[in-house]
N, C-alpha and C. Protein backbone atom coordinates (compact mmCIF):
# COMPACT_ATOMS: atom_id res chain seq x y z
N MET A 1 141.24 121.33 247.67
CA MET A 1 140.22 122.34 247.49
C MET A 1 139.04 121.73 246.76
N SER A 2 137.84 122.10 247.10
CA SER A 2 136.65 121.51 246.51
C SER A 2 136.32 122.15 245.16
N ALA A 3 135.54 121.42 244.37
CA ALA A 3 135.12 121.89 243.06
C ALA A 3 134.13 123.04 243.19
N PRO A 4 134.17 123.96 242.22
CA PRO A 4 133.13 125.00 242.21
C PRO A 4 131.77 124.31 242.06
N GLU A 5 130.73 124.90 242.63
CA GLU A 5 129.40 124.28 242.57
C GLU A 5 128.99 124.06 241.12
N GLY A 6 128.53 122.84 240.83
CA GLY A 6 128.08 122.50 239.49
C GLY A 6 129.20 122.10 238.53
N PHE A 7 130.42 122.00 239.01
CA PHE A 7 131.56 121.65 238.17
C PHE A 7 132.19 120.35 238.65
N GLN A 8 132.79 119.61 237.72
CA GLN A 8 133.52 118.38 238.03
C GLN A 8 134.99 118.59 237.68
N ARG A 9 135.87 118.14 238.55
CA ARG A 9 137.31 118.23 238.27
C ARG A 9 137.66 117.27 237.14
N VAL A 10 138.47 117.75 236.17
CA VAL A 10 138.89 116.90 235.06
C VAL A 10 140.39 116.74 234.99
N GLY A 11 141.15 117.40 235.85
CA GLY A 11 142.59 117.21 235.88
C GLY A 11 143.35 118.49 236.14
N ARG A 12 144.67 118.41 235.97
CA ARG A 12 145.56 119.54 236.18
C ARG A 12 145.69 120.34 234.89
N ALA A 13 145.64 121.64 235.00
CA ALA A 13 145.81 122.52 233.83
C ALA A 13 147.16 122.28 233.17
N SER A 14 148.18 122.04 233.96
CA SER A 14 149.53 121.85 233.42
C SER A 14 149.67 120.57 232.59
N ASP A 15 148.71 119.66 232.68
CA ASP A 15 148.76 118.42 231.90
C ASP A 15 148.14 118.56 230.51
N LEU A 16 147.59 119.73 230.21
CA LEU A 16 146.98 119.97 228.91
C LEU A 16 147.84 120.97 228.14
N PRO A 17 148.64 120.48 227.18
CA PRO A 17 149.54 121.37 226.43
C PRO A 17 148.79 122.45 225.65
N TYR A 18 149.46 123.57 225.49
CA TYR A 18 148.92 124.70 224.74
C TYR A 18 148.57 124.26 223.32
N LEU A 19 147.39 124.65 222.85
CA LEU A 19 146.85 124.35 221.52
C LEU A 19 146.59 122.86 221.28
N GLU A 20 146.29 122.14 222.37
CA GLU A 20 145.92 120.73 222.25
C GLU A 20 144.62 120.48 223.00
N GLY A 21 144.03 119.33 222.71
CA GLY A 21 142.80 118.92 223.37
C GLY A 21 142.94 117.54 223.98
N ARG A 22 142.04 117.22 224.90
CA ARG A 22 141.97 115.90 225.52
C ARG A 22 140.50 115.55 225.71
N ASN A 23 140.18 114.26 225.60
CA ASN A 23 138.83 113.79 225.88
C ASN A 23 138.70 113.44 227.35
N VAL A 24 137.57 113.81 227.93
CA VAL A 24 137.22 113.42 229.29
C VAL A 24 135.76 112.98 229.27
N THR A 25 135.36 112.28 230.28
CA THR A 25 133.95 111.94 230.45
C THR A 25 133.49 112.53 231.76
N VAL A 26 132.45 113.35 231.68
CA VAL A 26 131.89 114.02 232.86
C VAL A 26 130.43 113.63 232.94
N ALA A 27 130.05 112.99 234.04
CA ALA A 27 128.66 112.58 234.27
C ALA A 27 128.11 111.82 233.06
N GLY A 28 128.94 110.95 232.48
CA GLY A 28 128.52 110.12 231.36
C GLY A 28 128.55 110.79 230.00
N THR A 29 129.02 112.04 229.94
CA THR A 29 129.08 112.78 228.68
C THR A 29 130.53 112.94 228.24
N ARG A 30 130.82 112.57 226.98
CA ARG A 30 132.16 112.76 226.43
C ARG A 30 132.34 114.22 226.04
N ILE A 31 133.42 114.81 226.53
CA ILE A 31 133.71 116.22 226.33
C ILE A 31 135.17 116.37 225.90
N ALA A 32 135.42 117.27 224.94
CA ALA A 32 136.78 117.60 224.53
C ALA A 32 137.16 118.91 225.21
N VAL A 33 138.25 118.89 225.96
CA VAL A 33 138.74 120.08 226.67
C VAL A 33 140.01 120.54 225.95
N PHE A 34 140.09 121.84 225.67
CA PHE A 34 141.20 122.40 224.91
C PHE A 34 141.90 123.51 225.68
N HIS A 35 143.21 123.64 225.44
CA HIS A 35 143.98 124.79 225.91
C HIS A 35 144.18 125.66 224.67
N ALA A 36 143.29 126.60 224.47
CA ALA A 36 143.27 127.45 223.28
C ALA A 36 144.01 128.76 223.53
N GLU A 37 144.08 129.57 222.46
CA GLU A 37 144.76 130.86 222.55
C GLU A 37 144.17 131.75 223.63
N HIS A 38 142.87 131.64 223.86
CA HIS A 38 142.18 132.53 224.80
C HIS A 38 141.83 131.85 226.12
N GLY A 39 142.41 130.70 226.40
CA GLY A 39 142.16 130.04 227.67
C GLY A 39 141.70 128.61 227.47
N TYR A 40 141.10 128.06 228.48
CA TYR A 40 140.61 126.68 228.43
C TYR A 40 139.13 126.69 228.02
N VAL A 41 138.78 125.81 227.09
CA VAL A 41 137.41 125.71 226.61
C VAL A 41 137.04 124.24 226.49
N ALA A 42 135.73 123.97 226.47
CA ALA A 42 135.27 122.59 226.35
C ALA A 42 134.07 122.52 225.42
N LEU A 43 134.07 121.48 224.58
CA LEU A 43 133.00 121.23 223.61
C LEU A 43 132.59 119.77 223.70
N GLY A 44 131.45 119.45 223.11
CA GLY A 44 131.11 118.05 222.91
C GLY A 44 132.25 117.40 222.15
N ALA A 45 132.54 116.14 222.41
CA ALA A 45 133.74 115.49 221.88
C ALA A 45 133.66 115.11 220.41
N SER A 46 132.48 115.10 219.80
CA SER A 46 132.33 114.57 218.45
C SER A 46 131.90 115.64 217.45
N CYS A 47 132.50 115.60 216.27
CA CYS A 47 132.13 116.49 215.18
C CYS A 47 130.71 116.15 214.72
N PRO A 48 129.88 117.16 214.42
CA PRO A 48 128.51 116.88 214.00
C PRO A 48 128.42 116.23 212.61
N HIS A 49 129.51 116.22 211.86
CA HIS A 49 129.50 115.64 210.52
C HIS A 49 129.43 114.12 210.58
N ARG A 50 130.50 113.50 211.07
CA ARG A 50 130.55 112.05 211.14
C ARG A 50 131.17 111.56 212.45
N GLY A 51 131.05 112.38 213.47
CA GLY A 51 131.50 111.96 214.80
C GLY A 51 133.01 111.95 214.99
N GLY A 52 133.73 112.71 214.18
CA GLY A 52 135.19 112.76 214.32
C GLY A 52 135.61 113.22 215.71
N PRO A 53 136.77 112.76 216.17
CA PRO A 53 137.25 113.08 217.53
C PRO A 53 137.84 114.48 217.59
N LEU A 54 137.06 115.45 218.06
CA LEU A 54 137.51 116.84 218.05
C LEU A 54 138.75 117.07 218.89
N ALA A 55 138.94 116.34 219.97
CA ALA A 55 140.13 116.54 220.81
C ALA A 55 141.42 116.26 220.05
N ASP A 56 141.33 115.50 218.96
CA ASP A 56 142.50 115.19 218.14
C ASP A 56 142.72 116.21 217.03
N GLY A 57 141.84 117.21 216.94
CA GLY A 57 141.92 118.20 215.87
C GLY A 57 142.97 119.26 216.12
N ILE A 58 143.22 120.04 215.08
CA ILE A 58 144.18 121.14 215.15
C ILE A 58 143.46 122.38 215.67
N VAL A 59 144.06 123.01 216.68
CA VAL A 59 143.50 124.22 217.29
C VAL A 59 144.25 125.42 216.77
N SER A 60 143.52 126.36 216.16
CA SER A 60 144.10 127.62 215.72
C SER A 60 142.99 128.61 215.43
N GLU A 61 143.32 129.89 215.57
CA GLU A 61 142.39 130.98 215.29
C GLU A 61 141.03 130.78 215.95
N HIS A 62 141.04 130.36 217.21
CA HIS A 62 139.83 130.18 218.01
C HIS A 62 138.92 129.07 217.50
N CYS A 63 139.46 128.15 216.71
CA CYS A 63 138.68 127.02 216.18
C CYS A 63 139.43 125.72 216.39
N VAL A 64 138.69 124.62 216.29
CA VAL A 64 139.30 123.31 216.18
C VAL A 64 138.86 122.75 214.83
N THR A 65 139.79 122.13 214.13
CA THR A 65 139.50 121.52 212.84
C THR A 65 139.41 120.02 213.04
N CYS A 66 138.28 119.44 212.69
CA CYS A 66 138.07 118.00 212.84
C CYS A 66 139.12 117.26 212.02
N PRO A 67 139.78 116.26 212.60
CA PRO A 67 140.84 115.56 211.89
C PRO A 67 140.33 114.64 210.77
N LEU A 68 139.03 114.36 210.71
CA LEU A 68 138.54 113.45 209.68
C LEU A 68 138.24 114.14 208.35
N HIS A 69 137.49 115.24 208.39
CA HIS A 69 137.04 115.87 207.15
C HIS A 69 137.19 117.38 207.14
N ASN A 70 138.01 117.91 208.04
CA ASN A 70 138.38 119.33 208.06
C ASN A 70 137.24 120.31 208.35
N TRP A 71 136.19 119.88 209.00
CA TRP A 71 135.17 120.84 209.43
C TRP A 71 135.79 121.67 210.55
N ARG A 72 135.54 123.00 210.52
CA ARG A 72 136.06 123.89 211.56
C ARG A 72 134.93 124.29 212.49
N ILE A 73 135.20 124.15 213.79
CA ILE A 73 134.20 124.46 214.82
C ILE A 73 134.75 125.54 215.73
N ASP A 74 133.95 126.58 215.93
CA ASP A 74 134.31 127.69 216.80
C ASP A 74 134.35 127.20 218.25
N LEU A 75 135.46 127.41 218.92
CA LEU A 75 135.62 126.93 220.29
C LEU A 75 134.76 127.69 221.29
N GLN A 76 134.36 128.89 220.97
CA GLN A 76 133.54 129.69 221.89
C GLN A 76 132.06 129.29 221.79
N SER A 77 131.55 129.20 220.58
CA SER A 77 130.11 128.98 220.38
C SER A 77 129.72 127.54 220.06
N GLY A 78 130.68 126.73 219.59
CA GLY A 78 130.37 125.38 219.15
C GLY A 78 129.80 125.32 217.75
N GLU A 79 129.66 126.47 217.09
CA GLU A 79 129.10 126.52 215.74
C GLU A 79 130.10 126.04 214.70
N VAL A 80 129.63 125.28 213.72
CA VAL A 80 130.45 124.91 212.58
C VAL A 80 130.59 126.16 211.72
N VAL A 81 131.83 126.54 211.41
CA VAL A 81 132.06 127.76 210.63
C VAL A 81 132.54 127.47 209.22
N SER A 82 132.97 126.25 208.94
CA SER A 82 133.29 125.87 207.58
C SER A 82 133.24 124.35 207.46
N GLY A 83 132.84 123.90 206.27
CA GLY A 83 132.75 122.47 206.01
C GLY A 83 131.32 121.98 205.94
N GLY A 84 130.43 122.63 206.64
CA GLY A 84 129.04 122.22 206.67
C GLY A 84 128.27 123.06 207.67
N GLU A 85 127.20 122.51 208.17
CA GLU A 85 126.37 123.21 209.15
C GLU A 85 126.21 122.35 210.38
N GLY A 86 125.99 123.01 211.50
CA GLY A 86 125.75 122.28 212.74
C GLY A 86 126.36 123.00 213.92
N ARG A 87 126.30 122.33 215.03
CA ARG A 87 126.79 122.89 216.28
C ARG A 87 127.09 121.74 217.24
N VAL A 88 128.07 121.94 218.09
CA VAL A 88 128.33 121.00 219.17
C VAL A 88 128.11 121.73 220.49
N PRO A 89 127.72 121.02 221.53
CA PRO A 89 127.50 121.68 222.81
C PRO A 89 128.79 122.28 223.37
N THR A 90 128.65 123.35 224.12
CA THR A 90 129.78 123.97 224.80
C THR A 90 129.58 123.83 226.30
N TYR A 91 130.68 123.86 227.03
CA TYR A 91 130.65 123.72 228.48
C TYR A 91 131.56 124.76 229.10
N GLU A 92 131.20 125.25 230.27
CA GLU A 92 132.05 126.20 230.97
C GLU A 92 133.23 125.47 231.58
N VAL A 93 134.36 126.17 231.63
CA VAL A 93 135.57 125.63 232.25
C VAL A 93 136.04 126.64 233.28
N ALA A 94 136.44 126.13 234.43
CA ALA A 94 137.00 126.97 235.48
C ALA A 94 138.35 126.39 235.88
N GLU A 95 139.31 127.28 236.17
CA GLU A 95 140.60 126.88 236.68
C GLU A 95 140.72 127.39 238.11
N ARG A 96 141.08 126.49 239.00
CA ARG A 96 141.22 126.87 240.41
C ARG A 96 142.43 126.14 240.97
N ASP A 97 143.39 126.91 241.44
CA ASP A 97 144.61 126.36 242.05
C ASP A 97 145.27 125.31 241.17
N GLY A 98 145.30 125.57 239.86
CA GLY A 98 145.98 124.66 238.93
C GLY A 98 145.15 123.49 238.46
N ASP A 99 143.94 123.32 238.98
CA ASP A 99 143.05 122.25 238.54
C ASP A 99 142.02 122.82 237.58
N LEU A 100 141.58 121.99 236.64
CA LEU A 100 140.53 122.38 235.70
C LEU A 100 139.24 121.67 236.05
N TYR A 101 138.15 122.41 235.92
CA TYR A 101 136.80 121.91 236.22
C TYR A 101 135.90 122.22 235.04
N VAL A 102 135.02 121.28 234.70
CA VAL A 102 134.05 121.49 233.62
C VAL A 102 132.66 121.57 234.24
N GLY A 103 131.89 122.57 233.81
CA GLY A 103 130.52 122.73 234.28
C GLY A 103 129.65 121.59 233.79
N VAL A 104 128.94 120.98 234.69
CA VAL A 104 128.07 119.85 234.37
C VAL A 104 126.65 120.36 234.24
N PRO A 105 125.99 120.13 233.09
CA PRO A 105 124.59 120.56 232.96
C PRO A 105 123.75 119.98 234.09
N VAL A 106 122.78 120.75 234.55
CA VAL A 106 121.96 120.35 235.69
C VAL A 106 121.37 118.96 235.49
N ALA A 107 120.88 118.65 234.29
CA ALA A 107 120.27 117.35 234.03
C ALA A 107 121.27 116.21 234.10
N SER A 108 122.58 116.52 233.98
CA SER A 108 123.61 115.48 233.96
C SER A 108 124.33 115.31 235.29
N ARG A 109 124.08 116.16 236.25
CA ARG A 109 124.84 116.09 237.49
C ARG A 109 124.59 114.78 238.20
N SER A 110 125.68 114.17 238.57
CA SER A 110 125.61 112.90 239.30
C SER A 110 126.94 112.69 239.99
N GLU A 111 127.08 111.58 240.61
CA GLU A 111 128.34 111.22 241.23
C GLU A 111 129.20 110.43 240.26
N ALA A 112 128.89 110.51 238.96
CA ALA A 112 129.65 109.76 237.96
C ALA A 112 131.11 110.19 238.00
N PRO A 113 132.02 109.21 237.87
CA PRO A 113 133.44 109.54 237.89
C PRO A 113 133.86 110.29 236.64
N VAL A 114 134.93 111.05 236.75
CA VAL A 114 135.50 111.75 235.62
C VAL A 114 136.72 110.96 235.20
N ALA A 115 136.81 110.64 233.92
CA ALA A 115 137.93 109.86 233.42
C ALA A 115 138.50 110.50 232.18
N SER A 116 139.80 110.39 232.03
CA SER A 116 140.45 110.86 230.82
C SER A 116 140.58 109.69 229.87
N GLU A 117 140.04 109.83 228.66
CA GLU A 117 140.11 108.75 227.69
C GLU A 117 141.51 108.60 227.13
N SER A 118 142.33 109.64 227.22
CA SER A 118 143.68 109.58 226.67
C SER A 118 144.64 108.92 227.64
N GLY A 119 144.18 108.66 228.85
CA GLY A 119 145.06 108.10 229.86
C GLY A 119 145.82 109.17 230.64
N LEU A 120 145.74 110.41 230.17
CA LEU A 120 146.40 111.51 230.87
C LEU A 120 145.36 112.29 231.64
N PRO A 121 145.71 112.76 232.80
CA PRO A 121 144.78 113.65 233.47
C PRO A 121 144.71 114.96 232.70
N VAL A 122 143.56 115.59 232.65
CA VAL A 122 143.45 116.81 231.88
C VAL A 122 143.15 117.99 232.72
N ALA A 123 143.16 118.65 232.06
CA ALA A 123 142.75 119.84 232.66
C ALA A 123 141.35 120.14 232.13
N ASN A 124 140.14 124.45 227.47
CA ASN A 124 139.09 124.47 226.75
C ASN A 124 139.55 125.34 225.96
N GLY A 125 137.69 129.86 218.81
CA GLY A 125 136.61 130.50 218.08
C GLY A 125 137.25 130.89 216.77
N CYS A 126 136.79 131.05 215.92
CA CYS A 126 137.50 131.24 214.64
C CYS A 126 137.88 132.69 214.44
N ALA A 127 137.87 133.16 213.19
CA ALA A 127 138.33 134.52 212.90
C ALA A 127 137.62 135.53 213.79
N GLY A 128 138.37 136.48 214.27
CA GLY A 128 137.80 137.50 215.14
C GLY A 128 138.21 137.27 216.58
N THR A 129 137.88 138.22 217.40
CA THR A 129 138.24 138.15 218.81
C THR A 129 137.05 137.65 219.61
N VAL A 130 137.30 136.67 220.46
CA VAL A 130 136.25 136.17 221.33
C VAL A 130 136.77 136.13 222.75
N ALA A 131 135.87 136.18 223.67
CA ALA A 131 136.25 136.12 225.09
C ALA A 131 136.44 134.68 225.50
N ALA A 132 137.25 134.46 226.50
CA ALA A 132 137.47 133.11 227.03
C ALA A 132 136.23 132.59 227.68
N THR A 133 136.04 131.25 227.67
CA THR A 133 134.88 130.68 228.32
C THR A 133 135.15 130.36 229.78
N ALA A 134 136.40 130.46 230.19
CA ALA A 134 136.71 130.18 231.59
C ALA A 134 136.01 131.19 232.48
N VAL A 135 135.46 130.71 233.56
CA VAL A 135 134.77 131.59 234.47
C VAL A 135 135.60 131.81 235.71
N PRO A 136 135.58 133.01 236.26
CA PRO A 136 136.36 133.25 237.48
C PRO A 136 135.76 132.48 238.64
N VAL A 137 136.59 131.95 239.47
CA VAL A 137 136.14 131.20 240.63
C VAL A 137 136.74 131.82 241.87
N ALA A 138 135.89 132.13 242.82
CA ALA A 138 136.37 132.78 244.05
C ALA A 138 137.11 131.81 244.93
């Protein structure tokens, strides 16, 4: 099955364990994809503090906690909610027939390959209730 328009396949949903993240590269951009409480979400891969690897952070209460200095980033908005100030980019995630796709910004769309930095194929908010970022795909 083909990718939704504007999205790149990043792997199988079943390869991304619940409450974990994985790094992927989409059109030359490093992205952390998470299987969170509210679905699959994707953020820029680096913490705005000192570039910590967000995919290696702990996922809970709709946030990821950077493993280097404990900054908490909301998985829905990309906003830093504790530890400092800042924001990381967010990306749309779609699941179709068990595959995960990440929305590629228009300026980044290319034929660039998608690779998992962890070697595994992959498949994406803090206090309060937030909606999933996954978009329905027909």
